[in-house]
Amino acid sequence: MRETDLDITVIAELDEAGKPTRLTLELLGLGRSLAAQGGGLSAVVLGSGVEEACSELASRGADRVFFLDRPELTPYNPEVWTPLLATFFRERGGGLVLAGHTPMGQDLLPRLAFSLQAGLVTDCVGIRAEEGGFILTKPVYGGNALAGMKAATPLALTTVRSRVGEALPPSASSGELIPLDLETPAEARMRVLERHRLEAGECPLEEARVVVSGGRGMGGEEGFETLRELARLLGGAVGASRPPVDAGWAPTTCQVGITGKVVAPDLYVAVAISGSSQHLSGMGDSGKIVAINKDPEAYIFRVSDYGVVGDWREVLPAFLSKVRELVSE
């Protein structure tokens, strides 16, 4: 069945528990608002044991949920996923494909776009329907400007940041579940040998509703232990600007910024971070920003909702004490 240029498909991403990620649900909400211009909204799910996830997607705005449920599809492997999705989208024709601007999305969509010879725009912060297609808006020049782009191909692919769309509440009426009949590639050149799971209580940086990040001013790895305790109490995740990652104080998976991960939590706590444009491009869409820095002229204060001028070694202990008090109540 071939689709129109206004039809939208969301490539679903599932968490460790097999549930749709928050960003996937946001993309469905975004797709639903765009589909109101005259197109349809579908989701495609690849994985193992995806029945429950498919049902949730169908109740969250998708008209149709296409799925392929096989053991070899988990964990994500681009050598397996790319040819399957290429076949799926080749049969569907034109439209817009949405995926999260996550490590998986950033890895998968360029491969898929090359296979399909389709236009690709990454890191979108806005999408609007216009003249039979879509205008895709993304930051350029280190986040100092925005550019609107339109694919010259019938099928357009894009990765989208958090908080661009709004997840819809579950509905009593749900879309159609459609199993796919696709042949899994016989052999992949790459296979997963080892996986590192998050410890109990931790959550992925991109999914965290609270992110506590440290910068160069932390002075060393020891300071990040304090940040981890604060993040644990707030039910969030630890982030970092690039200098601490380069210095080995924090792992690369924690890096927030134009060369790291893009996050948009409800609360972002920036500790000893000056606020370079490279870092701001990775967290500027956060709901509320709290900054702690001993330099009153630090640029981070210009974008923060609340700011504390002081040395983090003096500010954080009192902050932690109050949080512990509130949590124990």
C-alpha atoms as a PDB file:
ATOM      1  CA  MET A   1       0.000   0.000   0.000  1.00  0.00           C
ATOM      2  CA  ARG A   2       1.543   3.301  -1.066  1.00  0.00           C
ATOM      3  CA  GLU A   3       1.192   6.366   1.092  1.00  0.00           C
ATOM      4  CA  THR A   4       0.753  10.058   0.288  1.00  0.00           C
ATOM      5  CA  ASP A   5       3.438  12.688   0.819  1.00  0.00           C
ATOM      6  CA  LEU A   6       1.615  13.872   3.958  1.00  0.00           C
ATOM      7  CA  ASP A   7       1.495  10.498   5.717  1.00  0.00           C
ATOM      8  CA  ILE A   8       3.694  10.144   8.783  1.00  0.00           C
ATOM      9  CA  THR A   9       5.405   7.097  10.262  1.00  0.00           C
ATOM     10  CA  VAL A  10       7.146   6.953  13.634  1.00  0.00           C
ATOM     11  CA  ILE A  11       9.968   4.448  14.123  1.00  0.00           C
ATOM     12  CA  ALA A  12       9.342   3.349  17.697  1.00  0.00           C
ATOM     13  CA  GLU A  13      12.160   2.962  20.189  1.00  0.00           C
ATOM     14  CA  LEU A  14      11.614   0.753  23.241  1.00  0.00           C
ATOM     15  CA  ASP A  15      13.326   0.959  26.624  1.00  0.00           C
ATOM     16  CA  GLU A  16      14.985  -1.872  28.571  1.00  0.00           C
ATOM     17  CA  ALA A  17      11.565  -2.974  29.846  1.00  0.00           C
ATOM     18  CA  GLY A  18      10.164  -3.194  26.314  1.00  0.00           C
ATOM     19  CA  LYS A  19       7.969  -0.107  26.663  1.00  0.00           C
ATOM     20  CA  PRO A  20       7.846   2.849  24.251  1.00  0.00           C
ATOM     21  CA  THR A  21      10.246   5.579  25.330  1.00  0.00           C
ATOM     22  CA  ARG A  22       8.956   8.977  26.360  1.00  0.00           C
ATOM     23  CA  LEU A  23      10.389  10.476  23.157  1.00  0.00           C
ATOM     24  CA  THR A  24       8.576   7.891  21.010  1.00  0.00           C
ATOM     25  CA  LEU A  25       5.274   8.879  22.633  1.00  0.00           C
ATOM     26  CA  GLU A  26       6.103  12.545  22.074  1.00  0.00           C
ATOM     27  CA  LEU A  27       6.719  11.799  18.391  1.00  0.00           C
ATOM     28  CA  LEU A  28       3.296  10.153  18.144  1.00  0.00           C
ATOM     29  CA  GLY A  29       1.742  13.289  19.616  1.00  0.00           C
ATOM     30  CA  LEU A  30       3.665  15.425  17.139  1.00  0.00           C
ATOM     31  CA  GLY A  31       2.680  13.119  14.288  1.00  0.00           C
ATOM     32  CA  ARG A  32      -0.969  13.273  15.316  1.00  0.00           C
ATOM     33  CA  SER A  33      -0.976  17.080  15.135  1.00  0.00           C
ATOM     34  CA  LEU A  34       0.749  17.020  11.728  1.00  0.00           C
ATOM     35  CA  ALA A  35      -1.599  14.327  10.426  1.00  0.00           C
ATOM     36  CA  ALA A  36      -4.487  16.673  11.149  1.00  0.00           C
ATOM     37  CA  GLN A  37      -3.358  18.539   8.002  1.00  0.00           C
ATOM     38  CA  GLY A  38      -4.648  15.621   5.901  1.00  0.00           C
ATOM     39  CA  GLY A  39      -2.347  12.620   6.327  1.00  0.00           C
ATOM     40  CA  GLY A  40      -2.371   9.409   8.336  1.00  0.00           C
ATOM     41  CA  LEU A  41      -0.201   8.387  11.276  1.00  0.00           C
ATOM     42  CA  SER A  42       1.514   5.008  11.601  1.00  0.00           C
ATOM     43  CA  ALA A  43       4.147   3.500  13.861  1.00  0.00           C
ATOM     44  CA  VAL A  44       6.567   0.682  13.051  1.00  0.00           C
ATOM     45  CA  VAL A  45       8.021  -1.540  15.772  1.00  0.00           C
ATOM     46  CA  LEU A  46      10.850  -4.042  15.491  1.00  0.00           C
ATOM     47  CA  GLY A  47      11.859  -6.219  18.430  1.00  0.00           C
ATOM     48  CA  SER A  48      11.083  -9.237  20.548  1.00  0.00           C
ATOM     49  CA  GLY A  49       7.974  -9.486  22.735  1.00  0.00           C
ATOM     50  CA  VAL A  50       6.553  -6.206  21.421  1.00  0.00           C
ATOM     51  CA  GLU A  51       2.819  -6.960  21.743  1.00  0.00           C
ATOM     52  CA  GLU A  52       2.275  -4.762  24.797  1.00  0.00           C
ATOM     53  CA  ALA A  53       4.300  -1.901  23.313  1.00  0.00           C
ATOM     54  CA  CYS A  54       2.285  -2.078  20.084  1.00  0.00           C
ATOM     55  CA  SER A  55      -0.991  -1.887  22.000  1.00  0.00           C
ATOM     56  CA  GLU A  56       0.199   1.216  23.846  1.00  0.00           C
ATOM     57  CA  LEU A  57       1.251   2.920  20.617  1.00  0.00           C
ATOM     58  CA  ALA A  58      -2.138   2.104  19.100  1.00  0.00           C
ATOM     59  CA  SER A  59      -3.845   3.798  22.046  1.00  0.00           C
ATOM     60  CA  ARG A  60      -1.581   6.859  21.886  1.00  0.00           C
ATOM     61  CA  GLY A  61      -2.612   8.200  18.485  1.00  0.00           C
ATOM     62  CA  ALA A  62      -1.331   5.778  15.824  1.00  0.00           C
ATOM     63  CA  ASP A  63      -3.900   4.820  13.195  1.00  0.00           C
ATOM     64  CA  ARG A  64      -1.883   1.699  12.393  1.00  0.00           C
ATOM     65  CA  VAL A  65       0.990  -0.045  14.146  1.00  0.00           C
ATOM     66  CA  PHE A  66       3.124  -2.264  11.916  1.00  0.00           C
ATOM     67  CA  PHE A  67       5.283  -4.706  13.823  1.00  0.00           C
ATOM     68  CA  LEU A  68       7.800  -7.497  13.393  1.00  0.00           C
ATOM     69  CA  ASP A  69       8.268  -9.638  16.517  1.00  0.00           C
ATOM     70  CA  ARG A  70      11.359 -11.866  16.390  1.00  0.00           C
ATOM     71  CA  PRO A  71      14.122 -12.726  18.901  1.00  0.00           C
ATOM     72  CA  GLU A  72      16.915 -11.686  16.523  1.00  0.00           C
ATOM     73  CA  LEU A  73      15.596  -8.110  16.418  1.00  0.00           C
ATOM     74  CA  THR A  74      16.632  -7.437  20.021  1.00  0.00           C
ATOM     75  CA  PRO A  75      18.932  -5.724  20.797  1.00  0.00           C
ATOM     76  CA  TYR A  76      19.047  -3.124  18.038  1.00  0.00           C
ATOM     77  CA  ASN A  77      21.461  -4.056  15.259  1.00  0.00           C
ATOM     78  CA  PRO A  78      21.653  -1.699  12.242  1.00  0.00           C
ATOM     79  CA  GLU A  79      22.807  -4.554   9.998  1.00  0.00           C
ATOM     80  CA  VAL A  80      19.460  -6.272  10.634  1.00  0.00           C
ATOM     81  CA  TRP A  81      17.124  -3.308  11.067  1.00  0.00           C
ATOM     82  CA  THR A  82      18.208  -1.251   8.050  1.00  0.00           C
ATOM     83  CA  PRO A  83      17.314  -3.721   5.246  1.00  0.00           C
ATOM     84  CA  LEU A  84      14.020  -4.601   6.945  1.00  0.00           C
ATOM     85  CA  LEU A  85      12.930  -0.988   7.307  1.00  0.00           C
ATOM     86  CA  ALA A  86      14.215  -0.122   3.837  1.00  0.00           C
ATOM     87  CA  THR A  87      11.943  -2.794   2.372  1.00  0.00           C
ATOM     88  CA  PHE A  88       9.018  -1.578   4.482  1.00  0.00           C
ATOM     89  CA  PHE A  89       9.348   2.087   3.464  1.00  0.00           C
ATOM     90  CA  ARG A  90      10.132   1.277  -0.161  1.00  0.00           C
ATOM     91  CA  GLU A  91       6.760  -0.448  -0.421  1.00  0.00           C
ATOM     92  CA  ARG A  92       4.947   2.440   1.264  1.00  0.00           C
ATOM     93  CA  GLY A  93       6.241   5.201  -1.006  1.00  0.00           C
ATOM     94  CA  GLY A  94       6.262   8.852   0.091  1.00  0.00           C
ATOM     95  CA  GLY A  95       5.669  10.575   3.406  1.00  0.00           C
ATOM     96  CA  LEU A  96       7.577  11.651   6.495  1.00  0.00           C
ATOM     97  CA  VAL A  97       9.491   9.310   8.816  1.00  0.00           C
ATOM     98  CA  LEU A  98      10.105  10.426  12.405  1.00  0.00           C
ATOM     99  CA  ALA A  99      12.662   8.963  14.810  1.00  0.00           C
ATOM    100  CA  GLY A 100      14.098  10.266  18.054  1.00  0.00           C
ATOM    101  CA  HIS A 101      17.380  12.181  17.983  1.00  0.00           C
ATOM    102  CA  THR A 102      18.924   9.453  20.118  1.00  0.00           C
ATOM    103  CA  PRO A 103      22.004   7.273  19.592  1.00  0.00           C
ATOM    104  CA  MET A 104      19.811   4.716  17.822  1.00  0.00           C
ATOM    105  CA  GLY A 105      18.055   7.295  15.659  1.00  0.00           C
ATOM    106  CA  GLN A 106      21.308   9.017  14.722  1.00  0.00           C
ATOM    107  CA  ASP A 107      22.796   5.660  13.723  1.00  0.00           C
ATOM    108  CA  LEU A 108      19.790   4.193  11.918  1.00  0.00           C
ATOM    109  CA  LEU A 109      18.332   7.019   9.847  1.00  0.00           C
ATOM    110  CA  PRO A 110      21.457   7.953   7.842  1.00  0.00           C
ATOM    111  CA  ARG A 111      21.806   4.276   6.869  1.00  0.00           C
ATOM    112  CA  LEU A 112      18.135   4.127   5.969  1.00  0.00           C
ATOM    113  CA  ALA A 113      18.231   7.377   4.003  1.00  0.00           C
ATOM    114  CA  PHE A 114      21.179   6.105   1.950  1.00  0.00           C
ATOM    115  CA  SER A 115      19.438   2.798   1.239  1.00  0.00           C
ATOM    116  CA  LEU A 116      16.271   4.579   0.112  1.00  0.00           C
ATOM    117  CA  GLN A 117      18.032   7.532  -1.547  1.00  0.00           C
ATOM    118  CA  ALA A 118      15.746   9.736   0.521  1.00  0.00           C
ATOM    119  CA  GLY A 119      16.211  13.176   2.011  1.00  0.00           C
ATOM    120  CA  LEU A 120      17.358  13.323   5.647  1.00  0.00           C
ATOM    121  CA  VAL A 121      17.298  16.165   8.191  1.00  0.00           C
ATOM    122  CA  THR A 122      18.675  15.448  11.651  1.00  0.00           C
ATOM    123  CA  ASP A 123      18.217  17.181  15.014  1.00  0.00           C
ATOM    124  CA  CYS A 124      14.868  18.818  14.224  1.00  0.00           C
ATOM    125  CA  VAL A 125      13.320  21.216  16.714  1.00  0.00           C
ATOM    126  CA  GLY A 126      10.202  22.000  14.688  1.00  0.00           C
ATOM    127  CA  ILE A 127       8.086  20.583  11.852  1.00  0.00           C
ATOM    128  CA  ARG A 128       5.181  22.094   9.959  1.00  0.00           C
ATOM    129  CA  ALA A 129       3.133  20.946   6.983  1.00  0.00           C
ATOM    130  CA  GLU A 130       3.338  23.216   3.967  1.00  0.00           C
ATOM    131  CA  GLU A 131       2.544  22.960   0.238  1.00  0.00           C
ATOM    132  CA  GLY A 132       2.093  19.206   0.125  1.00  0.00           C
ATOM    133  CA  GLY A 133       5.181  18.485   2.204  1.00  0.00           C
ATOM    134  CA  PHE A 134       6.920  19.366   5.449  1.00  0.00           C
ATOM    135  CA  ILE A 135       9.286  22.148   6.519  1.00  0.00           C
ATOM    136  CA  LEU A 136      11.861  20.729   8.942  1.00  0.00           C
ATOM    137  CA  THR A 137      13.575  23.196  11.277  1.00  0.00           C
ATOM    138  CA  LYS A 138      16.961  22.482  12.843  1.00  0.00           C
ATOM    139  CA  PRO A 139      19.688  24.461  14.663  1.00  0.00           C
ATOM    140  CA  VAL A 140      22.720  25.512  12.619  1.00  0.00           C
ATOM    141  CA  TYR A 141      25.987  27.363  13.346  1.00  0.00           C
ATOM    142  CA  GLY A 142      26.350  25.782  16.764  1.00  0.00           C
ATOM    143  CA  GLY A 143      22.753  26.496  17.699  1.00  0.00           C
ATOM    144  CA  ASN A 144      23.014  30.239  17.001  1.00  0.00           C
ATOM    145  CA  ALA A 145      20.478  30.136  14.151  1.00  0.00           C
ATOM    146  CA  LEU A 146      17.619  28.010  12.844  1.00  0.00           C
ATOM    147  CA  ALA A 147      17.263  26.722   9.286  1.00  0.00           C
ATOM    148  CA  GLY A 148      14.079  25.507   7.604  1.00  0.00           C
ATOM    149  CA  MET A 149      14.565  22.651   5.137  1.00  0.00           C
ATOM    150  CA  LYS A 150      12.342  20.664   2.782  1.00  0.00           C
ATOM    151  CA  ALA A 151      13.290  17.311   1.280  1.00  0.00           C
ATOM    152  CA  ALA A 152      13.421  17.128  -2.518  1.00  0.00           C
ATOM    153  CA  THR A 153      12.431  13.450  -2.417  1.00  0.00           C
ATOM    154  CA  PRO A 154       8.913  11.987  -1.929  1.00  0.00           C
ATOM    155  CA  LEU A 155      10.082  10.286   1.271  1.00  0.00           C
ATOM    156  CA  ALA A 156      11.718  12.442   3.965  1.00  0.00           C
ATOM    157  CA  LEU A 157      13.421  11.169   7.105  1.00  0.00           C
ATOM    158  CA  THR A 158      14.182  13.159  10.241  1.00  0.00           C
ATOM    159  CA  THR A 159      15.429  12.744  13.801  1.00  0.00           C
ATOM    160  CA  VAL A 160      13.603  14.924  16.326  1.00  0.00           C
ATOM    161  CA  ARG A 161      14.633  16.292  19.711  1.00  0.00           C
ATOM    162  CA  SER A 162      12.765  15.798  22.966  1.00  0.00           C
ATOM    163  CA  ARG A 163       9.933  18.193  23.878  1.00  0.00           C
ATOM    164  CA  VAL A 164       9.133  19.072  20.246  1.00  0.00           C
ATOM    165  CA  GLY A 165       5.939  17.044  20.525  1.00  0.00           C
ATOM    166  CA  GLU A 166       3.624  16.291  23.428  1.00  0.00           C
ATOM    167  CA  ALA A 167       2.604  12.745  24.305  1.00  0.00           C
ATOM    168  CA  LEU A 168      -1.128  12.088  24.120  1.00  0.00           C
ATOM    169  CA  PRO A 169      -2.958  10.329  26.967  1.00  0.00           C
ATOM    170  CA  PRO A 170      -4.114   6.745  26.328  1.00  0.00           C
ATOM    171  CA  SER A 171      -7.404   6.521  24.449  1.00  0.00           C
ATOM    172  CA  ALA A 172     -10.162   3.932  24.697  1.00  0.00           C
ATOM    173  CA  SER A 173     -10.186   3.708  20.909  1.00  0.00           C
ATOM    174  CA  SER A 174      -7.018   2.330  19.382  1.00  0.00           C
ATOM    175  CA  GLY A 175      -5.429   1.902  15.981  1.00  0.00           C
ATOM    176  CA  GLU A 176      -5.010  -1.291  13.978  1.00  0.00           C
ATOM    177  CA  LEU A 177      -2.159  -3.728  14.727  1.00  0.00           C
ATOM    178  CA  ILE A 178      -0.626  -5.115  11.509  1.00  0.00           C
ATOM    179  CA  PRO A 179       2.054  -7.845  11.571  1.00  0.00           C
ATOM    180  CA  LEU A 180       4.756  -7.569   8.913  1.00  0.00           C
ATOM    181  CA  ASP A 181       5.886 -10.431   6.711  1.00  0.00           C
ATOM    182  CA  LEU A 182       9.512  -9.522   6.044  1.00  0.00           C
ATOM    183  CA  GLU A 183      12.503 -11.807   5.726  1.00  0.00           C
ATOM    184  CA  THR A 184      15.231 -11.200   8.278  1.00  0.00           C
ATOM    185  CA  PRO A 185      18.715 -10.898   6.715  1.00  0.00           C
ATOM    186  CA  ALA A 186      20.463 -14.272   6.842  1.00  0.00           C
ATOM    187  CA  GLU A 187      23.743 -12.874   8.097  1.00  0.00           C
ATOM    188  CA  ALA A 188      24.856  -9.591   9.616  1.00  0.00           C
ATOM    189  CA  ARG A 189      28.424  -8.319   9.502  1.00  0.00           C
ATOM    190  CA  MET A 190      28.077  -6.988  13.033  1.00  0.00           C
ATOM    191  CA  ARG A 191      26.756  -8.573  16.197  1.00  0.00           C
ATOM    192  CA  VAL A 192      26.406  -7.421  19.795  1.00  0.00           C
ATOM    193  CA  LEU A 193      28.939  -9.122  22.063  1.00  0.00           C
ATOM    194  CA  GLU A 194      28.297  -7.325  25.325  1.00  0.00           C
ATOM    195  CA  ARG A 195      25.788  -4.929  26.827  1.00  0.00           C
ATOM    196  CA  HIS A 196      26.224  -2.687  29.856  1.00  0.00           C
ATOM    197  CA  ARG A 197      22.958  -2.181  31.689  1.00  0.00           C
ATOM    198  CA  LEU A 198      22.145   0.707  33.958  1.00  0.00           C
ATOM    199  CA  GLU A 199      22.242   0.025  37.656  1.00  0.00           C
ATOM    200  CA  ALA A 200      18.982  -0.233  39.592  1.00  0.00           C
ATOM    201  CA  GLY A 201      17.387   3.182  39.979  1.00  0.00           C
ATOM    202  CA  GLU A 202      19.291   4.755  37.080  1.00  0.00           C
ATOM    203  CA  CYS A 203      17.618   5.959  33.909  1.00  0.00           C
ATOM    204  CA  PRO A 204      18.962   6.787  30.440  1.00  0.00           C
ATOM    205  CA  LEU A 205      20.123  10.379  30.091  1.00  0.00           C
ATOM    206  CA  GLU A 206      17.744  11.069  27.184  1.00  0.00           C
ATOM    207  CA  GLU A 207      14.755   9.738  29.117  1.00  0.00           C
ATOM    208  CA  ALA A 208      15.480  11.416  32.476  1.00  0.00           C
ATOM    209  CA  ARG A 209      13.037  14.042  33.679  1.00  0.00           C
ATOM    210  CA  VAL A 210      15.808  15.483  35.870  1.00  0.00           C
ATOM    211  CA  VAL A 211      19.432  15.888  34.741  1.00  0.00           C
ATOM    212  CA  VAL A 212      22.209  17.063  37.068  1.00  0.00           C
ATOM    213  CA  SER A 213      25.283  18.081  35.067  1.00  0.00           C
ATOM    214  CA  GLY A 214      28.771  19.128  36.071  1.00  0.00           C
ATOM    215  CA  GLY A 215      31.357  21.200  34.246  1.00  0.00           C
ATOM    216  CA  ARG A 216      35.042  22.028  34.322  1.00  0.00           C
ATOM    217  CA  GLY A 217      34.622  23.817  37.621  1.00  0.00           C
ATOM    218  CA  MET A 218      33.917  20.511  39.415  1.00  0.00           C
ATOM    219  CA  GLY A 219      37.693  20.143  39.611  1.00  0.00           C
ATOM    220  CA  GLY A 220      37.843  16.365  39.435  1.00  0.00           C
ATOM    221  CA  GLU A 221      36.073  13.035  39.431  1.00  0.00           C
ATOM    222  CA  GLU A 222      35.240  13.236  43.144  1.00  0.00           C
ATOM    223  CA  GLY A 223      32.788  16.060  42.549  1.00  0.00           C
ATOM    224  CA  PHE A 224      30.701  13.879  40.264  1.00  0.00           C
ATOM    225  CA  GLU A 225      30.027  11.515  43.155  1.00  0.00           C
ATOM    226  CA  THR A 226      28.136  14.366  44.801  1.00  0.00           C
ATOM    227  CA  LEU A 227      26.207  14.958  41.582  1.00  0.00           C
ATOM    228  CA  ARG A 228      25.280  11.259  41.397  1.00  0.00           C
ATOM    229  CA  GLU A 229      23.843  11.397  44.900  1.00  0.00           C
ATOM    230  CA  LEU A 230      21.764  14.459  44.024  1.00  0.00           C
ATOM    231  CA  ALA A 231      20.559  12.841  40.799  1.00  0.00           C
ATOM    232  CA  ARG A 232      19.620   9.676  42.694  1.00  0.00           C
ATOM    233  CA  LEU A 233      17.589  11.630  45.229  1.00  0.00           C
ATOM    234  CA  LEU A 234      15.791  13.508  42.445  1.00  0.00           C
ATOM    235  CA  GLY A 235      15.205  10.351  40.415  1.00  0.00           C
ATOM    236  CA  GLY A 236      17.302  11.653  37.548  1.00  0.00           C
ATOM    237  CA  ALA A 237      20.532  11.121  35.638  1.00  0.00           C
ATOM    238  CA  VAL A 238      24.018  12.659  35.658  1.00  0.00           C
ATOM    239  CA  GLY A 239      25.302  14.689  32.722  1.00  0.00           C
ATOM    240  CA  ALA A 240      28.492  16.570  31.967  1.00  0.00           C
ATOM    241  CA  SER A 241      29.880  19.231  29.671  1.00  0.00           C
ATOM    242  CA  ARG A 242      32.718  18.282  27.349  1.00  0.00           C
ATOM    243  CA  PRO A 243      35.760  19.273  29.517  1.00  0.00           C
ATOM    244  CA  PRO A 244      34.993  16.759  32.334  1.00  0.00           C
ATOM    245  CA  VAL A 245      34.480  14.014  29.736  1.00  0.00           C
ATOM    246  CA  ASP A 246      37.760  14.874  27.999  1.00  0.00           C
ATOM    247  CA  ALA A 247      39.481  14.820  31.407  1.00  0.00           C
ATOM    248  CA  GLY A 248      38.075  11.385  32.213  1.00  0.00           C
ATOM    249  CA  TRP A 249      35.957  12.560  35.157  1.00  0.00           C
ATOM    250  CA  ALA A 250      32.746  11.351  33.506  1.00  0.00           C
ATOM    251  CA  PRO A 251      32.013   8.782  30.752  1.00  0.00           C
ATOM    252  CA  THR A 252      31.256   9.884  27.195  1.00  0.00           C
ATOM    253  CA  THR A 253      27.678   8.626  27.625  1.00  0.00           C
ATOM    254  CA  CYS A 254      27.136  11.555  30.023  1.00  0.00           C
ATOM    255  CA  GLN A 255      28.204  14.310  27.643  1.00  0.00           C
ATOM    256  CA  VAL A 256      25.566  16.922  26.896  1.00  0.00           C
ATOM    257  CA  GLY A 257      26.035  19.337  24.019  1.00  0.00           C
ATOM    258  CA  ILE A 258      26.449  19.696  20.286  1.00  0.00           C
ATOM    259  CA  THR A 259      29.078  16.912  20.234  1.00  0.00           C
ATOM    260  CA  GLY A 260      27.266  14.844  22.857  1.00  0.00           C
ATOM    261  CA  LYS A 261      23.641  14.140  23.661  1.00  0.00           C
ATOM    262  CA  VAL A 262      20.667  16.454  23.348  1.00  0.00           C
ATOM    263  CA  VAL A 263      18.405  16.399  26.402  1.00  0.00           C
ATOM    264  CA  ALA A 264      15.260  18.272  27.376  1.00  0.00           C
ATOM    265  CA  PRO A 265      14.319  17.218  30.926  1.00  0.00           C
ATOM    266  CA  ASP A 266      11.736  18.919  33.088  1.00  0.00           C
ATOM    267  CA  LEU A 267      14.585  20.097  35.341  1.00  0.00           C
ATOM    268  CA  TYR A 268      18.235  20.685  34.378  1.00  0.00           C
ATOM    269  CA  VAL A 269      20.712  21.488  37.156  1.00  0.00           C
ATOM    270  CA  ALA A 270      23.969  22.944  35.788  1.00  0.00           C
ATOM    271  CA  VAL A 271      26.769  22.853  38.348  1.00  0.00           C
ATOM    272  CA  ALA A 272      30.045  24.680  37.628  1.00  0.00           C
ATOM    273  CA  ILE A 273      29.140  24.970  33.930  1.00  0.00           C
ATOM    274  CA  SER A 274      29.955  28.283  32.233  1.00  0.00           C
ATOM    275  CA  GLY A 275      27.327  27.960  29.497  1.00  0.00           C
ATOM    276  CA  SER A 276      29.116  27.762  26.152  1.00  0.00           C
ATOM    277  CA  SER A 277      26.950  27.734  23.031  1.00  0.00           C
ATOM    278  CA  GLN A 278      28.053  24.139  22.371  1.00  0.00           C
ATOM    279  CA  HIS A 279      26.650  23.008  25.719  1.00  0.00           C
ATOM    280  CA  LEU A 280      23.514  25.141  25.542  1.00  0.00           C
ATOM    281  CA  SER A 281      22.600  23.585  22.196  1.00  0.00           C
ATOM    282  CA  GLY A 282      22.295  20.262  24.002  1.00  0.00           C
ATOM    283  CA  MET A 283      20.079  21.334  26.920  1.00  0.00           C
ATOM    284  CA  GLY A 284      18.524  24.697  26.047  1.00  0.00           C
ATOM    285  CA  ASP A 285      15.033  23.220  25.623  1.00  0.00           C
ATOM    286  CA  SER A 286      14.868  21.989  29.223  1.00  0.00           C
ATOM    287  CA  GLY A 287      11.737  22.881  31.175  1.00  0.00           C
ATOM    288  CA  LYS A 288      13.470  24.627  34.094  1.00  0.00           C
ATOM    289  CA  ILE A 289      17.184  25.370  34.373  1.00  0.00           C
ATOM    290  CA  VAL A 290      18.956  25.852  37.711  1.00  0.00           C
ATOM    291  CA  ALA A 291      22.556  27.104  37.601  1.00  0.00           C
ATOM    292  CA  ILE A 292      25.217  27.027  40.317  1.00  0.00           C
ATOM    293  CA  ASN A 293      28.432  28.891  39.479  1.00  0.00           C
ATOM    294  CA  LYS A 294      30.897  31.013  41.432  1.00  0.00           C
ATOM    295  CA  ASP A 295      31.291  33.428  38.489  1.00  0.00           C
ATOM    296  CA  PRO A 296      28.401  35.921  38.520  1.00  0.00           C
ATOM    297  CA  GLU A 297      29.131  36.755  34.867  1.00  0.00           C
ATOM    298  CA  ALA A 298      28.841  33.135  33.670  1.00  0.00           C
ATOM    299  CA  TYR A 299      26.657  32.964  30.569  1.00  0.00           C
ATOM    300  CA  ILE A 300      24.667  30.056  32.019  1.00  0.00           C
ATOM    301  CA  PHE A 301      22.849  32.556  34.257  1.00  0.00           C
ATOM    302  CA  ARG A 302      21.412  34.282  31.163  1.00  0.00           C
ATOM    303  CA  VAL A 303      19.460  31.166  30.200  1.00  0.00           C
ATOM    304  CA  SER A 304      18.674  29.791  33.670  1.00  0.00           C
ATOM    305  CA  ASP A 305      15.372  30.197  35.486  1.00  0.00           C
ATOM    306  CA  TYR A 306      17.095  30.125  38.887  1.00  0.00           C
ATOM    307  CA  GLY A 307      20.721  30.842  39.705  1.00  0.00           C
ATOM    308  CA  VAL A 308      22.997  30.570  42.720  1.00  0.00           C
ATOM    309  CA  VAL A 309      26.309  32.448  42.725  1.00  0.00           C
ATOM    310  CA  GLY A 310      28.745  30.462  44.850  1.00  0.00           C
ATOM    311  CA  ASP A 311      31.241  27.632  45.006  1.00  0.00           C
ATOM    312  CA  TRP A 312      29.466  24.295  44.447  1.00  0.00           C
ATOM    313  CA  ARG A 313      31.439  22.839  47.389  1.00  0.00           C
ATOM    314  CA  GLU A 314      29.553  25.217  49.671  1.00  0.00           C
ATOM    315  CA  VAL A 315      26.189  25.284  47.866  1.00  0.00           C
ATOM    316  CA  LEU A 316      25.589  21.601  47.124  1.00  0.00           C
ATOM    317  CA  PRO A 317      25.902  20.242  50.686  1.00  0.00           C
ATOM    318  CA  ALA A 318      23.086  22.525  51.844  1.00  0.00           C
ATOM    319  CA  PHE A 319      21.086  21.707  48.718  1.00  0.00           C
ATOM    320  CA  LEU A 320      21.557  17.976  49.283  1.00  0.00           C
ATOM    321  CA  SER A 321      20.557  18.276  52.918  1.00  0.00           C
ATOM    322  CA  LYS A 322      17.300  20.006  51.997  1.00  0.00           C
ATOM    323  CA  VAL A 323      16.517  17.484  49.252  1.00  0.00           C
ATOM    324  CA  ARG A 324      17.099  14.582  51.677  1.00  0.00           C
ATOM    325  CA  GLU A 325      14.752  16.263  54.129  1.00  0.00           C
ATOM    326  CA  LEU A 326      12.031  16.704  51.522  1.00  0.00           C
ATOM    327  CA  VAL A 327      12.407  13.160  50.178  1.00  0.00           C
ATOM    328  CA  SER A 328      12.142  11.626  53.643  1.00  0.00           C
ATOM    329  CA  GLU A 329       8.865  13.426  54.408  1.00  0.00           C
END
